[in-house]
Amino acid sequence: MKQSRTITIKTAEELDILREAGKILSKIIKEVQCSLKSGISTEQIDQLTEKLIKDYKVIPAFKGYRGFPACACISTNEEVVHGIPGKRILREGDIVSLDVGIIYKNYYSDTAVTAG
């Protein structure tokens, strides 16, 4: 099955929705970044991410996508990106990659940051 590869020109209203989605996700990711401290598990980081997504009344884009079990992809140090959150505890000096996506009014916003 051949997929169309056309570019859709967005309306002013659609661009406003995309801007708002980006602003919401920026707030979420900044708050999650503040939680990246020694002693917290990647699972706890994901739980916070999910809580914030619900608080902002948006939908997690990753959870359930092709079976992905979490709201955030979290990788540490040498791990490849798009790691699945779990029991791993952050330690002082860890490098953490955090990738989060949301759906807002049927539009997707996705961002990633690295901290450490």
PDB file of N, CA and C in Angstrom:
ATOM      1  N   MET A   1       0.835  -1.181   0.000  1.00  0.00           N
ATOM      2  CA  MET A   1       0.000   0.000   0.000  1.00  0.00           C
ATOM      3  C   MET A   1       0.882   1.247   0.000  1.00  0.00           C
ATOM      4  N   LYS A   2       0.701   2.094  -0.960  1.00  0.00           N
ATOM      5  CA  LYS A   2       1.496   3.309  -1.083  1.00  0.00           C
ATOM      6  C   LYS A   2       0.897   4.427  -0.230  1.00  0.00           C
ATOM      7  N   GLN A   3       1.760   5.057   0.560  1.00  0.00           N
ATOM      8  CA  GLN A   3       1.308   6.161   1.404  1.00  0.00           C
ATOM      9  C   GLN A   3       1.571   7.490   0.711  1.00  0.00           C
ATOM     10  N   SER A   4       0.685   8.414   0.929  1.00  0.00           N
ATOM     11  CA  SER A   4       0.854   9.759   0.395  1.00  0.00           C
ATOM     12  C   SER A   4       1.919  10.487   1.200  1.00  0.00           C
ATOM     13  N   ARG A   5       2.749  11.221   0.543  1.00  0.00           N
ATOM     14  CA  ARG A   5       3.802  11.981   1.213  1.00  0.00           C
ATOM     15  C   ARG A   5       3.651  13.473   0.931  1.00  0.00           C
ATOM     16  N   THR A   6       2.426  13.940   0.994  1.00  0.00           N
ATOM     17  CA  THR A   6       2.186  15.355   0.743  1.00  0.00           C
ATOM     18  C   THR A   6       2.326  16.155   2.026  1.00  0.00           C
ATOM     19  N   ILE A   7       2.667  17.388   1.876  1.00  0.00           N
ATOM     20  CA  ILE A   7       2.761  18.300   3.012  1.00  0.00           C
ATOM     21  C   ILE A   7       1.448  19.066   3.091  1.00  0.00           C
ATOM     22  N   THR A   8       0.857  19.068   4.274  1.00  0.00           N
ATOM     23  CA  THR A   8      -0.395  19.785   4.475  1.00  0.00           C
ATOM     24  C   THR A   8      -0.096  21.172   5.035  1.00  0.00           C
ATOM     25  N   ILE A   9      -0.605  22.183   4.381  1.00  0.00           N
ATOM     26  CA  ILE A   9      -0.456  23.553   4.877  1.00  0.00           C
ATOM     27  C   ILE A   9      -1.465  23.745   6.008  1.00  0.00           C
ATOM     28  N   LYS A  10      -0.972  24.160   7.163  1.00  0.00           N
ATOM     29  CA  LYS A  10      -1.829  24.344   8.331  1.00  0.00           C
ATOM     30  C   LYS A  10      -2.524  25.703   8.286  1.00  0.00           C
ATOM     31  N   THR A  11      -3.748  25.711   8.812  1.00  0.00           N
ATOM     32  CA  THR A  11      -4.493  26.962   8.948  1.00  0.00           C
ATOM     33  C   THR A  11      -3.972  27.725  10.159  1.00  0.00           C
ATOM     34  N   ALA A  12      -4.371  28.966  10.279  1.00  0.00           N
ATOM     35  CA  ALA A  12      -3.982  29.770  11.444  1.00  0.00           C
ATOM     36  C   ALA A  12      -4.476  29.110  12.732  1.00  0.00           C
ATOM     37  N   GLU A  13      -5.685  28.562  12.700  1.00  0.00           N
ATOM     38  CA  GLU A  13      -6.234  27.887  13.881  1.00  0.00           C
ATOM     39  C   GLU A  13      -5.409  26.644  14.233  1.00  0.00           C
ATOM     40  N   GLU A  14      -5.031  25.874  13.237  1.00  0.00           N
ATOM     41  CA  GLU A  14      -4.214  24.684  13.494  1.00  0.00           C
ATOM     42  C   GLU A  14      -2.847  25.063  14.060  1.00  0.00           C
ATOM     43  N   LEU A  15      -2.269  26.123  13.545  1.00  0.00           N
ATOM     44  CA  LEU A  15      -0.983  26.590  14.069  1.00  0.00           C
ATOM     45  C   LEU A  15      -1.112  27.040  15.517  1.00  0.00           C
ATOM     46  N   ASP A  16      -2.223  27.684  15.858  1.00  0.00           N
ATOM     47  CA  ASP A  16      -2.466  28.082  17.249  1.00  0.00           C
ATOM     48  C   ASP A  16      -2.541  26.860  18.156  1.00  0.00           C
ATOM     49  N   ILE A  17      -3.207  25.811  17.700  1.00  0.00           N
ATOM     50  CA  ILE A  17      -3.313  24.573  18.478  1.00  0.00           C
ATOM     51  C   ILE A  17      -1.928  23.961  18.669  1.00  0.00           C
ATOM     52  N   LEU A  18      -1.142  23.921  17.609  1.00  0.00           N
ATOM     53  CA  LEU A  18       0.210  23.365  17.703  1.00  0.00           C
ATOM     54  C   LEU A  18       1.082  24.182  18.652  1.00  0.00           C
ATOM     55  N   ARG A  19       0.954  25.506  18.606  1.00  0.00           N
ATOM     56  CA  ARG A  19       1.712  26.357  19.535  1.00  0.00           C
ATOM     57  C   ARG A  19       1.318  26.074  20.980  1.00  0.00           C
ATOM     58  N   GLU A  20       0.018  25.958  21.225  1.00  0.00           N
ATOM     59  CA  GLU A  20      -0.462  25.683  22.582  1.00  0.00           C
ATOM     60  C   GLU A  20       0.015  24.314  23.049  1.00  0.00           C
ATOM     61  N   ALA A  21      -0.016  23.332  22.169  1.00  0.00           N
ATOM     62  CA  ALA A  21       0.483  21.993  22.513  1.00  0.00           C
ATOM     63  C   ALA A  21       1.956  22.066  22.907  1.00  0.00           C
ATOM     64  N   GLY A  22       2.733  22.825  22.159  1.00  0.00           N
ATOM     65  CA  GLY A  22       4.148  22.986  22.477  1.00  0.00           C
ATOM     66  C   GLY A  22       4.368  23.671  23.815  1.00  0.00           C
ATOM     67  N   LYS A  23       3.547  24.672  24.118  1.00  0.00           N
ATOM     68  CA  LYS A  23       3.657  25.370  25.406  1.00  0.00           C
ATOM     69  C   LYS A  23       3.330  24.437  26.566  1.00  0.00           C
ATOM     70  N   ILE A  24       2.282  23.645  26.402  1.00  0.00           N
ATOM     71  CA  ILE A  24       1.895  22.692  27.452  1.00  0.00           C
ATOM     72  C   ILE A  24       3.011  21.684  27.671  1.00  0.00           C
ATOM     73  N   LEU A  25       3.520  21.132  26.587  1.00  0.00           N
ATOM     74  CA  LEU A  25       4.577  20.125  26.712  1.00  0.00           C
ATOM     75  C   LEU A  25       5.837  20.728  27.321  1.00  0.00           C
ATOM     76  N   SER A  26       6.140  21.967  26.991  1.00  0.00           N
ATOM     77  CA  SER A  26       7.294  22.639  27.578  1.00  0.00           C
ATOM     78  C   SER A  26       7.160  22.740  29.096  1.00  0.00           C
ATOM     79  N   LYS A  27       5.969  23.073  29.569  1.00  0.00           N
ATOM     80  CA  LYS A  27       5.732  23.148  31.016  1.00  0.00           C
ATOM     81  C   LYS A  27       5.900  21.779  31.662  1.00  0.00           C
ATOM     82  N   ILE A  28       5.370  20.749  31.015  1.00  0.00           N
ATOM     83  CA  ILE A  28       5.472  19.386  31.551  1.00  0.00           C
ATOM     84  C   ILE A  28       6.933  18.966  31.636  1.00  0.00           C
ATOM     85  N   ILE A  29       7.668  19.130  30.555  1.00  0.00           N
ATOM     86  CA  ILE A  29       9.050  18.650  30.514  1.00  0.00           C
ATOM     87  C   ILE A  29       9.926  19.408  31.508  1.00  0.00           C
ATOM     88  N   LYS A  30       9.674  20.713  31.692  1.00  0.00           N
ATOM     89  CA  LYS A  30      10.457  21.486  32.657  1.00  0.00           C
ATOM     90  C   LYS A  30      10.205  20.998  34.073  1.00  0.00           C
ATOM     91  N   GLU A  31       8.957  20.704  34.388  1.00  0.00           N
ATOM     92  CA  GLU A  31       8.646  20.205  35.730  1.00  0.00           C
ATOM     93  C   GLU A  31       9.253  18.823  35.959  1.00  0.00           C
ATOM     94  N   VAL A  32       9.194  17.980  34.950  1.00  0.00           N
ATOM     95  CA  VAL A  32       9.796  16.649  35.078  1.00  0.00           C
ATOM     96  C   VAL A  32      11.311  16.782  35.238  1.00  0.00           C
ATOM     97  N   GLN A  33      11.935  17.673  34.491  1.00  0.00           N
ATOM     98  CA  GLN A  33      13.378  17.883  34.612  1.00  0.00           C
ATOM     99  C   GLN A  33      13.773  18.237  36.043  1.00  0.00           C
ATOM    100  N   CYS A  34      12.950  19.003  36.720  1.00  0.00           N
ATOM    101  CA  CYS A  34      13.242  19.386  38.107  1.00  0.00           C
ATOM    102  C   CYS A  34      13.248  18.184  39.045  1.00  0.00           C
ATOM    103  N   SER A  35      12.599  17.093  38.645  1.00  0.00           N
ATOM    104  CA  SER A  35      12.537  15.897  39.497  1.00  0.00           C
ATOM    105  C   SER A  35      13.730  14.974  39.290  1.00  0.00           C
ATOM    106  N   LEU A  36      14.577  15.258  38.316  1.00  0.00           N
ATOM    107  CA  LEU A  36      15.697  14.372  37.994  1.00  0.00           C
ATOM    108  C   LEU A  36      16.796  14.531  39.032  1.00  0.00           C
ATOM    109  N   LYS A  37      16.656  13.766  40.105  1.00  0.00           N
ATOM    110  CA  LYS A  37      17.601  13.835  41.212  1.00  0.00           C
ATOM    111  C   LYS A  37      18.061  12.433  41.588  1.00  0.00           C
ATOM    112  N   SER A  38      19.208  12.354  42.166  1.00  0.00           N
ATOM    113  CA  SER A  38      19.735  11.085  42.657  1.00  0.00           C
ATOM    114  C   SER A  38      18.728  10.442  43.614  1.00  0.00           C
ATOM    115  N   GLY A  39      18.471   9.144  43.422  1.00  0.00           N
ATOM    116  CA  GLY A  39      17.573   8.409  44.311  1.00  0.00           C
ATOM    117  C   GLY A  39      16.191   8.144  43.744  1.00  0.00           C
ATOM    118  N   ILE A  40      15.821   8.790  42.647  1.00  0.00           N
ATOM    119  CA  ILE A  40      14.504   8.573  42.047  1.00  0.00           C
ATOM    120  C   ILE A  40      14.633   7.525  40.937  1.00  0.00           C
ATOM    121  N   SER A  41      13.616   6.688  40.796  1.00  0.00           N
ATOM    122  CA  SER A  41      13.646   5.670  39.737  1.00  0.00           C
ATOM    123  C   SER A  41      13.070   6.240  38.444  1.00  0.00           C
ATOM    124  N   THR A  42      13.439   5.625  37.338  1.00  0.00           N
ATOM    125  CA  THR A  42      12.877   6.063  36.059  1.00  0.00           C
ATOM    126  C   THR A  42      11.375   5.793  36.031  1.00  0.00           C
ATOM    127  N   GLU A  43      10.928   4.788  36.755  1.00  0.00           N
ATOM    128  CA  GLU A  43       9.490   4.516  36.861  1.00  0.00           C
ATOM    129  C   GLU A  43       8.771   5.666  37.572  1.00  0.00           C
ATOM    130  N   GLN A  44       9.375   6.196  38.630  1.00  0.00           N
ATOM    131  CA  GLN A  44       8.783   7.332  39.345  1.00  0.00           C
ATOM    132  C   GLN A  44       8.739   8.579  38.457  1.00  0.00           C
ATOM    133  N   ILE A  45       9.760   8.755  37.643  1.00  0.00           N
ATOM    134  CA  ILE A  45       9.776   9.882  36.708  1.00  0.00           C
ATOM    135  C   ILE A  45       8.617   9.744  35.728  1.00  0.00           C
ATOM    136  N   ASP A  46       8.396   8.535  35.233  1.00  0.00           N
ATOM    137  CA  ASP A  46       7.289   8.303  34.309  1.00  0.00           C
ATOM    138  C   ASP A  46       5.946   8.537  34.997  1.00  0.00           C
ATOM    139  N   GLN A  47       5.822   8.124  36.255  1.00  0.00           N
ATOM    140  CA  GLN A  47       4.570   8.349  36.988  1.00  0.00           C
ATOM    141  C   GLN A  47       4.289   9.842  37.135  1.00  0.00           C
ATOM    142  N   LEU A  48       5.321  10.624  37.409  1.00  0.00           N
ATOM    143  CA  LEU A  48       5.156  12.078  37.489  1.00  0.00           C
ATOM    144  C   LEU A  48       4.748  12.636  36.128  1.00  0.00           C
ATOM    145  N   THR A  49       5.388  12.147  35.080  1.00  0.00           N
ATOM    146  CA  THR A  49       5.052  12.591  33.724  1.00  0.00           C
ATOM    147  C   THR A  49       3.582  12.328  33.429  1.00  0.00           C
ATOM    148  N   GLU A  50       3.112  11.138  33.766  1.00  0.00           N
ATOM    149  CA  GLU A  50       1.711  10.790  33.518  1.00  0.00           C
ATOM    150  C   GLU A  50       0.766  11.681  34.326  1.00  0.00           C
ATOM    151  N   LYS A  51       1.121  11.960  35.572  1.00  0.00           N
ATOM    152  CA  LYS A  51       0.288  12.830  36.410  1.00  0.00           C
ATOM    153  C   LYS A  51       0.182  14.226  35.791  1.00  0.00           C
ATOM    154  N   LEU A  52       1.308  14.762  35.349  1.00  0.00           N
ATOM    155  CA  LEU A  52       1.299  16.099  34.751  1.00  0.00           C
ATOM    156  C   LEU A  52       0.498  16.122  33.452  1.00  0.00           C
ATOM    157  N   ILE A  53       0.636  15.083  32.649  1.00  0.00           N
ATOM    158  CA  ILE A  53      -0.138  14.994  31.406  1.00  0.00           C
ATOM    159  C   ILE A  53      -1.629  15.027  31.726  1.00  0.00           C
ATOM    160  N   LYS A  54      -2.035  14.284  32.743  1.00  0.00           N
ATOM    161  CA  LYS A  54      -3.452  14.285  33.146  1.00  0.00           C
ATOM    162  C   LYS A  54      -3.860  15.647  33.697  1.00  0.00           C
ATOM    163  N   ASP A  55      -2.982  16.262  34.503  1.00  0.00           N
ATOM    164  CA  ASP A  55      -3.278  17.577  35.077  1.00  0.00           C
ATOM    165  C   ASP A  55      -3.521  18.628  33.992  1.00  0.00           C
ATOM    166  N   TYR A  56      -2.787  18.536  32.904  1.00  0.00           N
ATOM    167  CA  TYR A  56      -2.948  19.485  31.797  1.00  0.00           C
ATOM    168  C   TYR A  56      -4.043  19.065  30.819  1.00  0.00           C
ATOM    169  N   LYS A  57      -4.707  17.942  31.134  1.00  0.00           N
ATOM    170  CA  LYS A  57      -5.842  17.457  30.335  1.00  0.00           C
ATOM    171  C   LYS A  57      -5.470  17.206  28.870  1.00  0.00           C
ATOM    172  N   VAL A  58      -4.281  16.627  28.693  1.00  0.00           N
ATOM    173  CA  VAL A  58      -3.843  16.198  27.368  1.00  0.00           C
ATOM    174  C   VAL A  58      -3.653  14.680  27.410  1.00  0.00           C
ATOM    175  N   ILE A  59      -3.351  14.092  26.286  1.00  0.00           N
ATOM    176  CA  ILE A  59      -3.242  12.638  26.169  1.00  0.00           C
ATOM    177  C   ILE A  59      -1.782  12.265  25.950  1.00  0.00           C
ATOM    178  N   PRO A  60      -1.295  11.219  26.633  1.00  0.00           N
ATOM    179  CA  PRO A  60       0.074  10.772  26.368  1.00  0.00           C
ATOM    180  C   PRO A  60       0.165  10.162  24.967  1.00  0.00           C
ATOM    181  N   ALA A  61       1.124  10.622  24.184  1.00  0.00           N
ATOM    182  CA  ALA A  61       1.249  10.150  22.801  1.00  0.00           C
ATOM    183  C   ALA A  61       1.947   8.797  22.707  1.00  0.00           C
ATOM    184  N   PHE A  62       2.815   8.476  23.663  1.00  0.00           N
ATOM    185  CA  PHE A  62       3.617   7.257  23.552  1.00  0.00           C
ATOM    186  C   PHE A  62       2.943   6.039  24.168  1.00  0.00           C
ATOM    187  N   LYS A  63       2.238   6.242  25.281  1.00  0.00           N
ATOM    188  CA  LYS A  63       1.681   5.113  26.027  1.00  0.00           C
ATOM    189  C   LYS A  63       0.686   4.343  25.160  1.00  0.00           C
ATOM    190  N   GLY A  64       0.981   3.079  24.956  1.00  0.00           N
ATOM    191  CA  GLY A  64       0.125   2.228  24.143  1.00  0.00           C
ATOM    192  C   GLY A  64       0.493   2.202  22.669  1.00  0.00           C
ATOM    193  N   TYR A  65       1.341   3.126  22.225  1.00  0.00           N
ATOM    194  CA  TYR A  65       1.741   3.141  20.821  1.00  0.00           C
ATOM    195  C   TYR A  65       2.642   1.941  20.546  1.00  0.00           C
ATOM    196  N   ARG A  66       2.172   1.059  19.696  1.00  0.00           N
ATOM    197  CA  ARG A  66       2.895  -0.176  19.368  1.00  0.00           C
ATOM    198  C   ARG A  66       3.323  -0.927  20.623  1.00  0.00           C
ATOM    199  N   GLY A  67       2.461  -0.861  21.637  1.00  0.00           N
ATOM    200  CA  GLY A  67       2.696  -1.592  22.878  1.00  0.00           C
ATOM    201  C   GLY A  67       3.604  -0.906  23.879  1.00  0.00           C
ATOM    202  N   PHE A  68       4.030   0.323  23.610  1.00  0.00           N
ATOM    203  CA  PHE A  68       4.920   1.005  24.557  1.00  0.00           C
ATOM    204  C   PHE A  68       4.164   1.230  25.862  1.00  0.00           C
ATOM    205  N   PRO A  69       4.766   0.838  27.005  1.00  0.00           N
ATOM    206  CA  PRO A  69       4.026   0.833  28.272  1.00  0.00           C
ATOM    207  C   PRO A  69       4.050   2.125  29.086  1.00  0.00           C
ATOM    208  N   ALA A  70       4.707   3.164  28.605  1.00  0.00           N
ATOM    209  CA  ALA A  70       4.921   4.334  29.451  1.00  0.00           C
ATOM    210  C   ALA A  70       4.580   5.632  28.723  1.00  0.00           C
ATOM    211  N   CYS A  71       4.522   6.716  29.513  1.00  0.00           N
ATOM    212  CA  CYS A  71       4.258   8.048  28.952  1.00  0.00           C
ATOM    213  C   CYS A  71       5.539   8.725  28.480  1.00  0.00           C
ATOM    214  N   ALA A  72       6.668   8.314  29.042  1.00  0.00           N
ATOM    215  CA  ALA A  72       7.955   8.917  28.697  1.00  0.00           C
ATOM    216  C   ALA A  72       8.946   7.833  28.302  1.00  0.00           C
ATOM    217  N   CYS A  73       9.833   8.181  27.403  1.00  0.00           N
ATOM    218  CA  CYS A  73      10.993   7.340  27.105  1.00  0.00           C
ATOM    219  C   CYS A  73      12.125   7.910  27.950  1.00  0.00           C
ATOM    220  N   ILE A  74      12.744   7.066  28.775  1.00  0.00           N
ATOM    221  CA  ILE A  74      13.790   7.548  29.667  1.00  0.00           C
ATOM    222  C   ILE A  74      14.997   6.629  29.544  1.00  0.00           C
ATOM    223  N   SER A  75      16.127   7.214  29.167  1.00  0.00           N
ATOM    224  CA  SER A  75      17.366   6.459  29.023  1.00  0.00           C
ATOM    225  C   SER A  75      18.437   7.122  29.874  1.00  0.00           C
ATOM    226  N   THR A  76      19.332   6.315  30.413  1.00  0.00           N
ATOM    227  CA  THR A  76      20.419   6.862  31.213  1.00  0.00           C
ATOM    228  C   THR A  76      21.759   6.417  30.654  1.00  0.00           C
ATOM    229  N   ASN A  77      22.712   7.315  30.763  1.00  0.00           N
ATOM    230  CA  ASN A  77      24.103   7.050  30.415  1.00  0.00           C
ATOM    231  C   ASN A  77      24.261   6.409  29.049  1.00  0.00           C
ATOM    232  N   GLU A  78      24.725   5.150  29.001  1.00  0.00           N
ATOM    233  CA  GLU A  78      25.043   4.494  27.735  1.00  0.00           C
ATOM    234  C   GLU A  78      23.838   3.861  27.053  1.00  0.00           C
ATOM    235  N   GLU A  79      22.672   3.910  27.678  1.00  0.00           N
ATOM    236  CA  GLU A  79      21.490   3.284  27.088  1.00  0.00           C
ATOM    237  C   GLU A  79      21.077   4.001  25.806  1.00  0.00           C
ATOM    238  N   VAL A  80      20.562   3.221  24.879  1.00  0.00           N
ATOM    239  CA  VAL A  80      20.050   3.769  23.628  1.00  0.00           C
ATOM    240  C   VAL A  80      18.764   4.539  23.934  1.00  0.00           C
ATOM    241  N   VAL A  81      18.484   5.574  23.151  1.00  0.00           N
ATOM    242  CA  VAL A  81      17.282   6.381  23.372  1.00  0.00           C
ATOM    243  C   VAL A  81      16.016   5.536  23.306  1.00  0.00           C
ATOM    244  N   HIS A  82      14.933   6.096  23.811  1.00  0.00           N
ATOM    245  CA  HIS A  82      13.613   5.463  23.864  1.00  0.00           C
ATOM    246  C   HIS A  82      13.572   4.301  24.855  1.00  0.00           C
ATOM    247  N   GLY A  83      14.297   4.464  25.960  1.00  0.00           N
ATOM    248  CA  GLY A  83      14.297   3.456  27.011  1.00  0.00           C
ATOM    249  C   GLY A  83      12.953   3.387  27.718  1.00  0.00           C
ATOM    250  N   ILE A  84      12.638   2.188  28.188  1.00  0.00           N
ATOM    251  CA  ILE A  84      11.395   1.958  28.925  1.00  0.00           C
ATOM    252  C   ILE A  84      11.664   2.205  30.407  1.00  0.00           C
ATOM    253  N   PRO A  85      10.897   3.080  31.046  1.00  0.00           N
ATOM    254  CA  PRO A  85      11.092   3.346  32.471  1.00  0.00           C
ATOM    255  C   PRO A  85      10.908   2.082  33.311  1.00  0.00           C
ATOM    256  N   GLY A  86      11.665   2.016  34.407  1.00  0.00           N
ATOM    257  CA  GLY A  86      11.580   0.840  35.272  1.00  0.00           C
ATOM    258  C   GLY A  86      12.162   1.124  36.642  1.00  0.00           C
ATOM    259  N   LYS A  87      12.777   0.126  37.215  1.00  0.00           N
ATOM    260  CA  LYS A  87      13.285   0.196  38.589  1.00  0.00           C
ATOM    261  C   LYS A  87      14.630   0.914  38.719  1.00  0.00           C
ATOM    262  N   ARG A  88      15.272   1.230  37.598  1.00  0.00           N
ATOM    263  CA  ARG A  88      16.596   1.839  37.661  1.00  0.00           C
ATOM    264  C   ARG A  88      16.552   3.150  38.444  1.00  0.00           C
ATOM    265  N   ILE A  89      17.456   3.284  39.397  1.00  0.00           N
ATOM    266  CA  ILE A  89      17.541   4.460  40.267  1.00  0.00           C
ATOM    267  C   ILE A  89      18.616   5.403  39.724  1.00  0.00           C
ATOM    268  N   LEU A  90      18.277   6.674  39.612  1.00  0.00           N
ATOM    269  CA  LEU A  90      19.264   7.655  39.175  1.00  0.00           C
ATOM    270  C   LEU A  90      20.313   7.852  40.255  1.00  0.00           C
ATOM    271  N   ARG A  91      21.551   8.008  39.796  1.00  0.00           N
ATOM    272  CA  ARG A  91      22.667   8.272  40.703  1.00  0.00           C
ATOM    273  C   ARG A  91      23.306   9.601  40.326  1.00  0.00           C
ATOM    274  N   GLU A  92      24.023  10.170  41.269  1.00  0.00           N
ATOM    275  CA  GLU A  92      24.736  11.419  41.027  1.00  0.00           C
ATOM    276  C   GLU A  92      25.636  11.252  39.806  1.00  0.00           C
ATOM    277  N   GLY A  93      25.552  12.197  38.876  1.00  0.00           N
ATOM    278  CA  GLY A  93      26.400  12.157  37.690  1.00  0.00           C
ATOM    279  C   GLY A  93      25.797  11.452  36.489  1.00  0.00           C
ATOM    280  N   ASP A  94      24.621  10.820  36.657  1.00  0.00           N
ATOM    281  CA  ASP A  94      23.980  10.154  35.521  1.00  0.00           C
ATOM    282  C   ASP A  94      23.576  11.179  34.463  1.00  0.00           C
ATOM    283  N   ILE A  95      23.665  10.758  33.213  1.00  0.00           N
ATOM    284  CA  ILE A  95      23.140  11.537  32.101  1.00  0.00           C
ATOM    285  C   ILE A  95      21.791  10.926  31.759  1.00  0.00           C
ATOM    286  N   VAL A  96      20.759  11.746  31.740  1.00  0.00           N
ATOM    287  CA  VAL A  96      19.395  11.253  31.534  1.00  0.00           C
ATOM    288  C   VAL A  96      18.808  11.869  30.269  1.00  0.00           C
ATOM    289  N   SER A  97      18.287  11.005  29.411  1.00  0.00           N
ATOM    290  CA  SER A  97      17.570  11.445  28.216  1.00  0.00           C
ATOM    291  C   SER A  97      16.087  11.224  28.467  1.00  0.00           C
ATOM    292  N   LEU A  98      15.306  12.267  28.287  1.00  0.00           N
ATOM    293  CA  LEU A  98      13.873  12.230  28.558  1.00  0.00           C
ATOM    294  C   LEU A  98      13.132  12.659  27.298  1.00  0.00           C
ATOM    295  N   ASP A  99      12.234  11.807  26.820  1.00  0.00           N
ATOM    296  CA  ASP A  99      11.474  12.070  25.595  1.00  0.00           C
ATOM    297  C   ASP A  99       9.993  11.920  25.936  1.00  0.00           C
ATOM    298  N   VAL A 100       9.209  12.965  25.676  1.00  0.00           N
ATOM    299  CA  VAL A 100       7.784  12.955  26.018  1.00  0.00           C
ATOM    300  C   VAL A 100       6.991  13.492  24.830  1.00  0.00           C
ATOM    301  N   GLY A 101       5.840  12.883  24.595  1.00  0.00           N
ATOM    302  CA  GLY A 101       4.934  13.356  23.556  1.00  0.00           C
ATOM    303  C   GLY A 101       3.518  13.444  24.096  1.00  0.00           C
ATOM    304  N   ILE A 102       2.765  14.419  23.586  1.00  0.00           N
ATOM    305  CA  ILE A 102       1.368  14.578  23.994  1.00  0.00           C
ATOM    306  C   ILE A 102       0.485  14.759  22.762  1.00  0.00           C
ATOM    307  N   ILE A 103      -0.795  14.529  22.977  1.00  0.00           N
ATOM    308  CA  ILE A 103      -1.798  14.817  21.959  1.00  0.00           C
ATOM    309  C   ILE A 103      -2.732  15.872  22.549  1.00  0.00           C
ATOM    310  N   TYR A 104      -2.891  16.973  21.827  1.00  0.00           N
ATOM    311  CA  TYR A 104      -3.739  18.078  22.258  1.00  0.00           C
ATOM    312  C   TYR A 104      -4.636  18.452  21.084  1.00  0.00           C
ATOM    313  N   LYS A 105      -5.931  18.311  21.281  1.00  0.00           N
ATOM    314  CA  LYS A 105      -6.911  18.616  20.227  1.00  0.00           C
ATOM    315  C   LYS A 105      -6.548  17.916  18.911  1.00  0.00           C
ATOM    316  N   ASN A 106      -6.180  16.649  19.038  1.00  0.00           N
ATOM    317  CA  ASN A 106      -5.840  15.781  17.900  1.00  0.00           C
ATOM    318  C   ASN A 106      -4.531  16.136  17.198  1.00  0.00           C
ATOM    319  N   TYR A 107      -3.716  16.976  17.800  1.00  0.00           N
ATOM    320  CA  TYR A 107      -2.402  17.298  17.247  1.00  0.00           C
ATOM    321  C   TYR A 107      -1.319  16.836  18.214  1.00  0.00           C
ATOM    322  N   TYR A 108      -0.209  16.397  17.661  1.00  0.00           N
ATOM    323  CA  TYR A 108       0.889  15.849  18.450  1.00  0.00           C
ATOM    324  C   TYR A 108       1.973  16.892  18.682  1.00  0.00           C
ATOM    325  N   SER A 109       2.541  16.827  19.884  1.00  0.00           N
ATOM    326  CA  SER A 109       3.731  17.601  20.208  1.00  0.00           C
ATOM    327  C   SER A 109       4.695  16.637  20.882  1.00  0.00           C
ATOM    328  N   ASP A 110       5.951  16.707  20.525  1.00  0.00           N
ATOM    329  CA  ASP A 110       6.949  15.751  21.000  1.00  0.00           C
ATOM    330  C   ASP A 110       8.248  16.512  21.221  1.00  0.00           C
ATOM    331  N   THR A 111       8.890  16.249  22.349  1.00  0.00           N
ATOM    332  CA  THR A 111      10.174  16.891  22.615  1.00  0.00           C
ATOM    333  C   THR A 111      11.052  15.960  23.432  1.00  0.00           C
ATOM    334  N   ALA A 112      12.342  16.227  23.390  1.00  0.00           N
ATOM    335  CA  ALA A 112      13.299  15.447  24.176  1.00  0.00           C
ATOM    336  C   ALA A 112      14.356  16.388  24.739  1.00  0.00           C
ATOM    337  N   VAL A 113      14.840  16.042  25.924  1.00  0.00           N
ATOM    338  CA  VAL A 113      15.912  16.803  26.560  1.00  0.00           C
ATOM    339  C   VAL A 113      16.915  15.821  27.146  1.00  0.00           C
ATOM    340  N   THR A 114      18.128  16.296  27.310  1.00  0.00           N
ATOM    341  CA  THR A 114      19.160  15.519  27.988  1.00  0.00           C
ATOM    342  C   THR A 114      19.651  16.349  29.157  1.00  0.00           C
ATOM    343  N   ALA A 115      19.762  15.720  30.311  1.00  0.00           N
ATOM    344  CA  ALA A 115      20.208  16.411  31.520  1.00  0.00           C
ATOM    345  C   ALA A 115      21.288  15.582  32.195  1.00  0.00           C
ATOM    346  N   GLY A 116      22.117  16.256  32.960  1.00  0.00           N
ATOM    347  CA  GLY A 116      23.117  15.490  33.696  1.00  0.00           C
ATOM    348  C   GLY A 116      24.370  16.254  33.950  1.00  0.00           C
TER     349      GLY A 116
END
